[in-house]
Amino acid sequence: MKMILVIVGAIILFSQCMRDGLTPKSVSLNQATILQAKQSAILRTNIAASNGLNIRVDSIQDSRCPKEVACIWAGNAQVFFTTSKGQAVKSGTLCIGACGQLKTADTTQIELSGMHYDIILQRVDPYPTQTENQPAKTARLFVRAR
């Protein structure tokens, strides 16, 4: 009986981790991936590669002016992320919209473990509306090795 409870508990725990985004997606470099806050992906040069670039979206903040609303400021959407490869870890912020002084805020370049990468924020969805109940924000990221 105890064994059945342990197995059921492990299944519930594993399914909760999957739902919370704790199990990273596996994607190829040079391919866009869509991540929610607290979700991560392992980007590999090929699927068989054992070491890849890990990217995690820590949070998404969206202050863009909602559709069909007259605003005095266009606003922006920011994606805060953390990348890692081996023991190297770097964090950053990507921004689309009115991002102030940052000219190329939607793109950043990082170096991890001797490899150079471009991380590009292609979009944040869904675009804000006046509706209060909107689905969770997602960030579409494109990562390429240089």
N, C-alpha and C. Protein backbone atom coordinates (compact mmCIF):
# COMPACT_ATOMS: atom_id res chain seq x y z
N MET A 1 0.82 -1.20 0.00
CA MET A 1 0.00 0.00 0.00
C MET A 1 0.86 1.26 0.00
N LYS A 2 1.96 1.23 0.81
CA LYS A 2 2.84 2.38 0.86
C LYS A 2 3.46 2.64 -0.51
N MET A 3 3.80 1.57 -1.22
CA MET A 3 4.43 1.71 -2.54
C MET A 3 3.49 2.40 -3.51
N ILE A 4 2.21 2.08 -3.46
CA ILE A 4 1.23 2.70 -4.35
C ILE A 4 1.13 4.19 -4.04
N LEU A 5 1.11 4.55 -2.76
CA LEU A 5 1.04 5.95 -2.38
C LEU A 5 2.28 6.71 -2.84
N VAL A 6 3.45 6.08 -2.75
CA VAL A 6 4.69 6.71 -3.20
C VAL A 6 4.65 6.95 -4.70
N ILE A 7 4.19 5.96 -5.45
CA ILE A 7 4.11 6.08 -6.91
C ILE A 7 3.11 7.17 -7.29
N VAL A 8 1.94 7.18 -6.67
CA VAL A 8 0.93 8.21 -6.96
C VAL A 8 1.48 9.59 -6.60
N GLY A 9 2.16 9.71 -5.48
CA GLY A 9 2.76 10.98 -5.07
C GLY A 9 3.81 11.45 -6.07
N ALA A 10 4.64 10.54 -6.55
CA ALA A 10 5.67 10.90 -7.54
C ALA A 10 5.03 11.37 -8.84
N ILE A 11 3.97 10.71 -9.27
CA ILE A 11 3.28 11.11 -10.50
C ILE A 11 2.68 12.50 -10.35
N ILE A 12 2.06 12.76 -9.22
CA ILE A 12 1.47 14.08 -8.98
C ILE A 12 2.55 15.15 -8.94
N LEU A 13 3.65 14.88 -8.25
CA LEU A 13 4.75 15.84 -8.18
C LEU A 13 5.34 16.12 -9.56
N PHE A 14 5.56 15.06 -10.35
CA PHE A 14 6.12 15.21 -11.69
C PHE A 14 5.18 16.01 -12.58
N SER A 15 3.88 15.72 -12.52
CA SER A 15 2.93 16.45 -13.37
C SER A 15 2.84 17.91 -12.94
N GLN A 16 2.97 18.20 -11.65
CA GLN A 16 2.96 19.59 -11.18
C GLN A 16 4.19 20.33 -11.70
N CYS A 17 5.36 19.68 -11.67
CA CYS A 17 6.58 20.29 -12.19
C CYS A 17 6.43 20.59 -13.68
N MET A 18 5.85 19.68 -14.42
CA MET A 18 5.66 19.90 -15.86
C MET A 18 4.74 21.10 -16.08
N ARG A 19 3.66 21.19 -15.31
CA ARG A 19 2.71 22.27 -15.49
C ARG A 19 3.31 23.61 -15.10
N ASP A 20 4.17 23.63 -14.09
CA ASP A 20 4.78 24.87 -13.63
C ASP A 20 5.96 25.31 -14.48
N GLY A 21 6.28 24.55 -15.51
CA GLY A 21 7.38 24.93 -16.38
C GLY A 21 8.75 24.58 -15.81
N LEU A 22 8.81 23.71 -14.80
CA LEU A 22 10.08 23.36 -14.21
C LEU A 22 10.87 22.41 -15.10
N THR A 23 10.22 21.69 -15.95
CA THR A 23 10.90 20.83 -16.91
C THR A 23 11.13 21.65 -18.17
N PRO A 24 12.41 21.91 -18.51
CA PRO A 24 12.68 22.78 -19.65
C PRO A 24 12.26 22.16 -20.98
N LYS A 25 11.86 23.04 -21.90
CA LYS A 25 11.61 22.62 -23.27
C LYS A 25 12.97 22.34 -23.90
N SER A 26 13.00 21.51 -24.90
CA SER A 26 14.22 21.27 -25.65
C SER A 26 14.00 21.77 -27.08
N VAL A 27 14.80 22.76 -27.48
CA VAL A 27 14.66 23.35 -28.81
C VAL A 27 16.04 23.52 -29.42
N SER A 28 16.05 23.69 -30.73
CA SER A 28 17.30 23.92 -31.44
C SER A 28 17.62 25.41 -31.46
N LEU A 29 18.90 25.72 -31.48
CA LEU A 29 19.31 27.11 -31.71
C LEU A 29 18.77 27.55 -33.06
N ASN A 30 18.66 28.84 -33.27
CA ASN A 30 18.15 29.41 -34.52
C ASN A 30 16.70 29.01 -34.78
N GLN A 31 15.97 28.75 -33.71
CA GLN A 31 14.55 28.43 -33.80
C GLN A 31 13.85 29.20 -32.68
N ALA A 32 12.77 29.87 -33.01
CA ALA A 32 12.04 30.64 -32.00
C ALA A 32 11.40 29.70 -30.99
N THR A 33 11.31 30.16 -29.77
CA THR A 33 10.63 29.41 -28.73
C THR A 33 9.74 30.37 -27.94
N ILE A 34 8.63 29.87 -27.46
CA ILE A 34 7.68 30.68 -26.70
C ILE A 34 7.68 30.19 -25.26
N LEU A 35 7.96 31.14 -24.34
CA LEU A 35 8.06 30.79 -22.93
C LEU A 35 7.20 31.73 -22.09
N GLN A 36 6.61 31.18 -21.04
CA GLN A 36 5.91 31.98 -20.04
C GLN A 36 6.89 32.31 -18.92
N ALA A 37 6.50 33.18 -18.02
CA ALA A 37 7.32 33.46 -16.84
C ALA A 37 7.54 32.17 -16.07
N LYS A 38 8.75 32.01 -15.57
CA LYS A 38 9.19 30.84 -14.79
C LYS A 38 9.38 29.59 -15.65
N GLN A 39 9.33 29.73 -16.95
CA GLN A 39 9.52 28.59 -17.85
C GLN A 39 10.89 28.70 -18.49
N SER A 40 11.49 27.56 -18.81
CA SER A 40 12.83 27.58 -19.40
C SER A 40 12.92 26.63 -20.58
N ALA A 41 13.99 26.83 -21.34
CA ALA A 41 14.25 25.98 -22.51
C ALA A 41 15.75 25.70 -22.57
N ILE A 42 16.08 24.54 -23.11
CA ILE A 42 17.46 24.19 -23.39
C ILE A 42 17.62 24.28 -24.89
N LEU A 43 18.51 25.16 -25.33
CA LEU A 43 18.74 25.39 -26.75
C LEU A 43 20.02 24.67 -27.15
N ARG A 44 19.90 23.77 -28.10
CA ARG A 44 21.04 22.95 -28.51
C ARG A 44 21.35 23.16 -29.98
N THR A 45 22.62 22.95 -30.34
CA THR A 45 23.01 23.03 -31.74
C THR A 45 22.40 21.88 -32.52
N ASN A 46 22.20 20.77 -31.85
CA ASN A 46 21.44 19.65 -32.41
C ASN A 46 20.82 18.90 -31.25
N ILE A 47 19.79 18.15 -31.52
CA ILE A 47 19.03 17.49 -30.45
C ILE A 47 19.89 16.51 -29.66
N ALA A 48 20.91 15.93 -30.28
CA ALA A 48 21.76 14.95 -29.60
C ALA A 48 22.77 15.61 -28.68
N ALA A 49 22.98 16.91 -28.81
CA ALA A 49 23.99 17.59 -28.00
C ALA A 49 23.60 17.53 -26.53
N SER A 50 24.56 17.20 -25.68
CA SER A 50 24.25 17.08 -24.25
C SER A 50 24.34 18.41 -23.52
N ASN A 51 25.13 19.34 -24.05
CA ASN A 51 25.25 20.63 -23.37
C ASN A 51 24.69 21.72 -24.26
N GLY A 52 23.75 22.42 -23.73
CA GLY A 52 23.13 23.50 -24.49
C GLY A 52 23.05 24.76 -23.66
N LEU A 53 22.53 25.79 -24.27
CA LEU A 53 22.30 27.04 -23.57
C LEU A 53 20.94 26.96 -22.89
N ASN A 54 20.91 27.19 -21.60
CA ASN A 54 19.65 27.22 -20.87
C ASN A 54 19.19 28.66 -20.80
N ILE A 55 17.93 28.88 -21.10
CA ILE A 55 17.35 30.22 -20.97
C ILE A 55 16.05 30.09 -20.19
N ARG A 56 15.88 30.97 -19.23
CA ARG A 56 14.69 30.97 -18.38
C ARG A 56 14.10 32.37 -18.38
N VAL A 57 12.81 32.45 -18.61
CA VAL A 57 12.10 33.73 -18.49
C VAL A 57 11.71 33.86 -17.02
N ASP A 58 12.34 34.82 -16.35
CA ASP A 58 12.06 35.02 -14.93
C ASP A 58 10.73 35.73 -14.71
N SER A 59 10.49 36.78 -15.52
CA SER A 59 9.22 37.49 -15.42
C SER A 59 8.96 38.30 -16.68
N ILE A 60 7.70 38.65 -16.87
CA ILE A 60 7.27 39.47 -18.01
C ILE A 60 6.43 40.61 -17.45
N GLN A 61 6.82 41.85 -17.78
CA GLN A 61 6.06 43.02 -17.37
C GLN A 61 5.58 43.73 -18.62
N ASP A 62 4.29 44.01 -18.68
CA ASP A 62 3.71 44.60 -19.88
C ASP A 62 2.92 45.85 -19.53
N SER A 63 3.44 47.01 -19.94
CA SER A 63 2.75 48.27 -19.67
C SER A 63 2.35 48.95 -20.98
N ARG A 64 2.24 48.17 -22.07
CA ARG A 64 1.86 48.76 -23.36
C ARG A 64 0.42 49.26 -23.30
N CYS A 65 0.18 50.31 -24.05
CA CYS A 65 -1.16 50.89 -24.11
C CYS A 65 -2.13 49.87 -24.71
N PRO A 66 -3.24 49.58 -24.03
CA PRO A 66 -4.19 48.60 -24.55
C PRO A 66 -4.77 49.01 -25.91
N LYS A 67 -5.16 48.00 -26.67
CA LYS A 67 -5.82 48.25 -27.96
C LYS A 67 -7.05 49.11 -27.74
N GLU A 68 -7.32 49.96 -28.71
CA GLU A 68 -8.51 50.82 -28.72
C GLU A 68 -8.59 51.77 -27.53
N VAL A 69 -7.44 52.15 -26.99
CA VAL A 69 -7.39 53.11 -25.90
C VAL A 69 -6.43 54.23 -26.31
N ALA A 70 -6.80 55.47 -26.05
CA ALA A 70 -5.91 56.60 -26.35
C ALA A 70 -5.04 56.85 -25.12
N CYS A 71 -3.74 56.62 -25.27
CA CYS A 71 -2.79 56.79 -24.17
C CYS A 71 -1.83 57.92 -24.49
N ILE A 72 -1.26 58.52 -23.46
CA ILE A 72 -0.26 59.57 -23.69
C ILE A 72 1.14 58.96 -23.80
N TRP A 73 1.26 57.68 -23.49
CA TRP A 73 2.54 56.98 -23.57
C TRP A 73 2.28 55.60 -24.14
N ALA A 74 3.10 55.18 -25.11
CA ALA A 74 2.89 53.88 -25.76
C ALA A 74 3.16 52.70 -24.83
N GLY A 75 4.04 52.89 -23.86
CA GLY A 75 4.38 51.81 -22.93
C GLY A 75 5.35 50.83 -23.55
N ASN A 76 5.66 49.79 -22.80
CA ASN A 76 6.57 48.75 -23.29
C ASN A 76 6.28 47.43 -22.63
N ALA A 77 6.91 46.40 -23.15
CA ALA A 77 6.87 45.08 -22.54
C ALA A 77 8.31 44.67 -22.28
N GLN A 78 8.59 44.24 -21.06
CA GLN A 78 9.94 43.83 -20.68
C GLN A 78 9.95 42.36 -20.28
N VAL A 79 10.99 41.68 -20.72
CA VAL A 79 11.19 40.28 -20.38
C VAL A 79 12.52 40.18 -19.63
N PHE A 80 12.45 39.70 -18.40
CA PHE A 80 13.64 39.51 -17.58
C PHE A 80 14.01 38.03 -17.67
N PHE A 81 15.26 37.75 -18.00
CA PHE A 81 15.66 36.37 -18.26
C PHE A 81 17.01 36.05 -17.62
N THR A 82 17.27 34.76 -17.49
CA THR A 82 18.55 34.26 -17.01
C THR A 82 19.02 33.18 -17.97
N THR A 83 20.28 33.25 -18.37
CA THR A 83 20.87 32.23 -19.22
C THR A 83 21.99 31.54 -18.46
N SER A 84 22.23 30.28 -18.81
CA SER A 84 23.34 29.56 -18.20
C SER A 84 23.85 28.50 -19.16
N LYS A 85 25.13 28.23 -19.02
CA LYS A 85 25.76 27.15 -19.76
C LYS A 85 26.94 26.69 -18.92
N GLY A 86 26.89 25.43 -18.52
CA GLY A 86 27.91 24.96 -17.58
C GLY A 86 27.77 25.73 -16.28
N GLN A 87 28.87 26.29 -15.78
CA GLN A 87 28.85 27.06 -14.54
C GLN A 87 28.59 28.56 -14.78
N ALA A 88 28.62 28.99 -16.03
CA ALA A 88 28.44 30.42 -16.35
C ALA A 88 26.97 30.79 -16.34
N VAL A 89 26.65 31.92 -15.71
CA VAL A 89 25.27 32.41 -15.61
C VAL A 89 25.25 33.91 -15.89
N LYS A 90 24.29 34.34 -16.71
CA LYS A 90 24.10 35.77 -16.97
C LYS A 90 22.61 36.07 -17.02
N SER A 91 22.25 37.24 -16.51
CA SER A 91 20.86 37.70 -16.54
C SER A 91 20.77 38.94 -17.40
N GLY A 92 19.57 39.21 -17.89
CA GLY A 92 19.38 40.38 -18.72
C GLY A 92 17.92 40.75 -18.84
N THR A 93 17.69 41.84 -19.57
CA THR A 93 16.35 42.34 -19.82
C THR A 93 16.21 42.67 -21.29
N LEU A 94 15.10 42.27 -21.87
CA LEU A 94 14.76 42.62 -23.25
C LEU A 94 13.50 43.48 -23.20
N CYS A 95 13.37 44.39 -24.15
CA CYS A 95 12.25 45.33 -24.11
C CYS A 95 11.76 45.62 -25.53
N ILE A 96 10.44 45.68 -25.70
CA ILE A 96 9.85 46.14 -26.95
C ILE A 96 8.88 47.27 -26.62
N GLY A 97 8.74 48.20 -27.56
CA GLY A 97 7.88 49.36 -27.33
C GLY A 97 8.73 50.57 -27.00
N ALA A 98 8.20 51.44 -26.15
CA ALA A 98 8.90 52.66 -25.74
C ALA A 98 9.88 52.31 -24.62
N CYS A 99 11.11 52.02 -25.01
CA CYS A 99 12.11 51.50 -24.06
C CYS A 99 13.14 52.52 -23.64
N GLY A 100 12.89 53.77 -23.91
CA GLY A 100 13.79 54.82 -23.46
C GLY A 100 15.07 54.89 -24.26
N GLN A 101 16.18 55.02 -23.58
CA GLN A 101 17.48 55.25 -24.21
C GLN A 101 18.04 54.03 -24.93
N LEU A 102 17.52 52.87 -24.65
CA LEU A 102 18.06 51.65 -25.25
C LEU A 102 17.65 51.55 -26.71
N LYS A 103 18.62 51.62 -27.61
CA LYS A 103 18.30 51.59 -29.05
C LYS A 103 17.87 50.20 -29.50
N THR A 104 18.60 49.20 -29.09
CA THR A 104 18.31 47.84 -29.54
C THR A 104 17.87 47.00 -28.34
N ALA A 105 16.88 47.49 -27.62
CA ALA A 105 16.43 46.85 -26.40
C ALA A 105 15.81 45.48 -26.64
N ASP A 106 15.38 45.21 -27.89
CA ASP A 106 14.78 43.91 -28.16
C ASP A 106 15.83 42.84 -28.44
N THR A 107 17.11 43.23 -28.49
CA THR A 107 18.18 42.29 -28.79
C THR A 107 19.33 42.50 -27.81
N THR A 108 19.90 41.42 -27.34
CA THR A 108 21.09 41.52 -26.50
C THR A 108 22.08 40.45 -26.92
N GLN A 109 23.33 40.71 -26.65
CA GLN A 109 24.39 39.76 -26.96
C GLN A 109 25.02 39.30 -25.65
N ILE A 110 25.22 38.00 -25.55
CA ILE A 110 25.85 37.46 -24.34
C ILE A 110 26.95 36.50 -24.75
N GLU A 111 27.86 36.29 -23.81
CA GLU A 111 28.92 35.30 -23.98
C GLU A 111 28.89 34.38 -22.77
N LEU A 112 28.79 33.11 -23.04
CA LEU A 112 28.80 32.11 -21.98
C LEU A 112 29.70 30.96 -22.40
N SER A 113 30.61 30.59 -21.54
CA SER A 113 31.51 29.45 -21.79
C SER A 113 32.20 29.56 -23.14
N GLY A 114 32.62 30.77 -23.51
CA GLY A 114 33.34 30.97 -24.76
C GLY A 114 32.47 31.04 -26.01
N MET A 115 31.17 30.92 -25.87
CA MET A 115 30.25 30.99 -27.00
C MET A 115 29.50 32.34 -26.96
N HIS A 116 29.27 32.91 -28.15
CA HIS A 116 28.55 34.18 -28.27
C HIS A 116 27.15 33.92 -28.82
N TYR A 117 26.17 34.56 -28.20
CA TYR A 117 24.78 34.37 -28.60
C TYR A 117 24.08 35.72 -28.75
N ASP A 118 23.13 35.78 -29.68
CA ASP A 118 22.19 36.90 -29.80
C ASP A 118 20.86 36.39 -29.28
N ILE A 119 20.25 37.14 -28.38
CA ILE A 119 18.91 36.80 -27.88
C ILE A 119 17.99 37.92 -28.32
N ILE A 120 16.95 37.56 -29.06
CA ILE A 120 16.05 38.54 -29.66
C ILE A 120 14.63 38.31 -29.14
N LEU A 121 14.04 39.37 -28.60
CA LEU A 121 12.63 39.32 -28.20
C LEU A 121 11.80 39.69 -29.41
N GLN A 122 11.08 38.73 -29.96
CA GLN A 122 10.28 38.99 -31.16
C GLN A 122 8.92 39.58 -30.82
N ARG A 123 8.31 39.11 -29.74
CA ARG A 123 7.03 39.68 -29.34
C ARG A 123 6.62 39.16 -27.96
N VAL A 124 5.68 39.88 -27.37
CA VAL A 124 5.06 39.47 -26.11
C VAL A 124 3.56 39.40 -26.39
N ASP A 125 2.97 38.28 -26.06
CA ASP A 125 1.54 38.05 -26.28
C ASP A 125 0.86 37.68 -24.98
N PRO A 126 -0.42 37.88 -24.86
CA PRO A 126 -1.28 38.63 -25.77
C PRO A 126 -1.07 40.13 -25.58
N TYR A 127 -1.37 40.89 -26.64
CA TYR A 127 -1.28 42.34 -26.56
C TYR A 127 -2.37 42.82 -25.58
N PRO A 128 -2.05 43.79 -24.74
CA PRO A 128 -3.04 44.23 -23.75
C PRO A 128 -4.35 44.73 -24.38
N THR A 129 -5.44 44.43 -23.69
CA THR A 129 -6.76 44.94 -24.05
C THR A 129 -7.38 45.49 -22.77
N GLN A 130 -8.58 46.01 -22.88
CA GLN A 130 -9.27 46.52 -21.70
C GLN A 130 -9.86 45.40 -20.86
N THR A 131 -9.89 44.20 -21.37
CA THR A 131 -10.43 43.06 -20.65
C THR A 131 -9.53 42.72 -19.48
N GLU A 132 -10.12 42.47 -18.34
CA GLU A 132 -9.33 42.15 -17.15
C GLU A 132 -8.79 40.73 -17.18
N ASN A 133 -9.55 39.78 -17.66
CA ASN A 133 -9.12 38.39 -17.64
C ASN A 133 -8.40 38.04 -18.94
N GLN A 134 -7.09 38.13 -18.90
CA GLN A 134 -6.28 37.77 -20.07
C GLN A 134 -5.43 36.56 -19.72
N PRO A 135 -5.10 35.76 -20.73
CA PRO A 135 -4.23 34.61 -20.47
C PRO A 135 -2.84 35.08 -20.04
N ALA A 136 -2.08 34.16 -19.51
CA ALA A 136 -0.71 34.46 -19.06
C ALA A 136 0.12 34.99 -20.22
N LYS A 137 0.99 35.93 -19.93
CA LYS A 137 1.88 36.51 -20.94
C LYS A 137 2.90 35.48 -21.39
N THR A 138 3.24 35.54 -22.67
CA THR A 138 4.31 34.70 -23.21
C THR A 138 5.28 35.58 -23.98
N ALA A 139 6.53 35.15 -24.01
CA ALA A 139 7.56 35.85 -24.76
C ALA A 139 8.05 34.93 -25.87
N ARG A 140 8.09 35.45 -27.09
CA ARG A 140 8.65 34.69 -28.21
C ARG A 140 10.10 35.14 -28.37
N LEU A 141 11.02 34.22 -28.09
CA LEU A 141 12.44 34.51 -28.13
C LEU A 141 13.11 33.73 -29.26
N PHE A 142 14.07 34.38 -29.90
CA PHE A 142 14.87 33.74 -30.95
C PHE A 142 16.32 33.85 -30.50
N VAL A 143 17.02 32.72 -30.42
CA VAL A 143 18.41 32.71 -29.99
C VAL A 143 19.26 32.12 -31.09
N ARG A 144 20.33 32.84 -31.42
CA ARG A 144 21.25 32.33 -32.44
C ARG A 144 22.68 32.42 -31.91
N ALA A 145 23.48 31.47 -32.33
CA ALA A 145 24.91 31.49 -31.99
C ALA A 145 25.64 32.31 -33.02
N ARG A 146 26.64 33.05 -32.58
CA ARG A 146 27.44 33.85 -33.53
C ARG A 146 28.80 33.22 -33.70
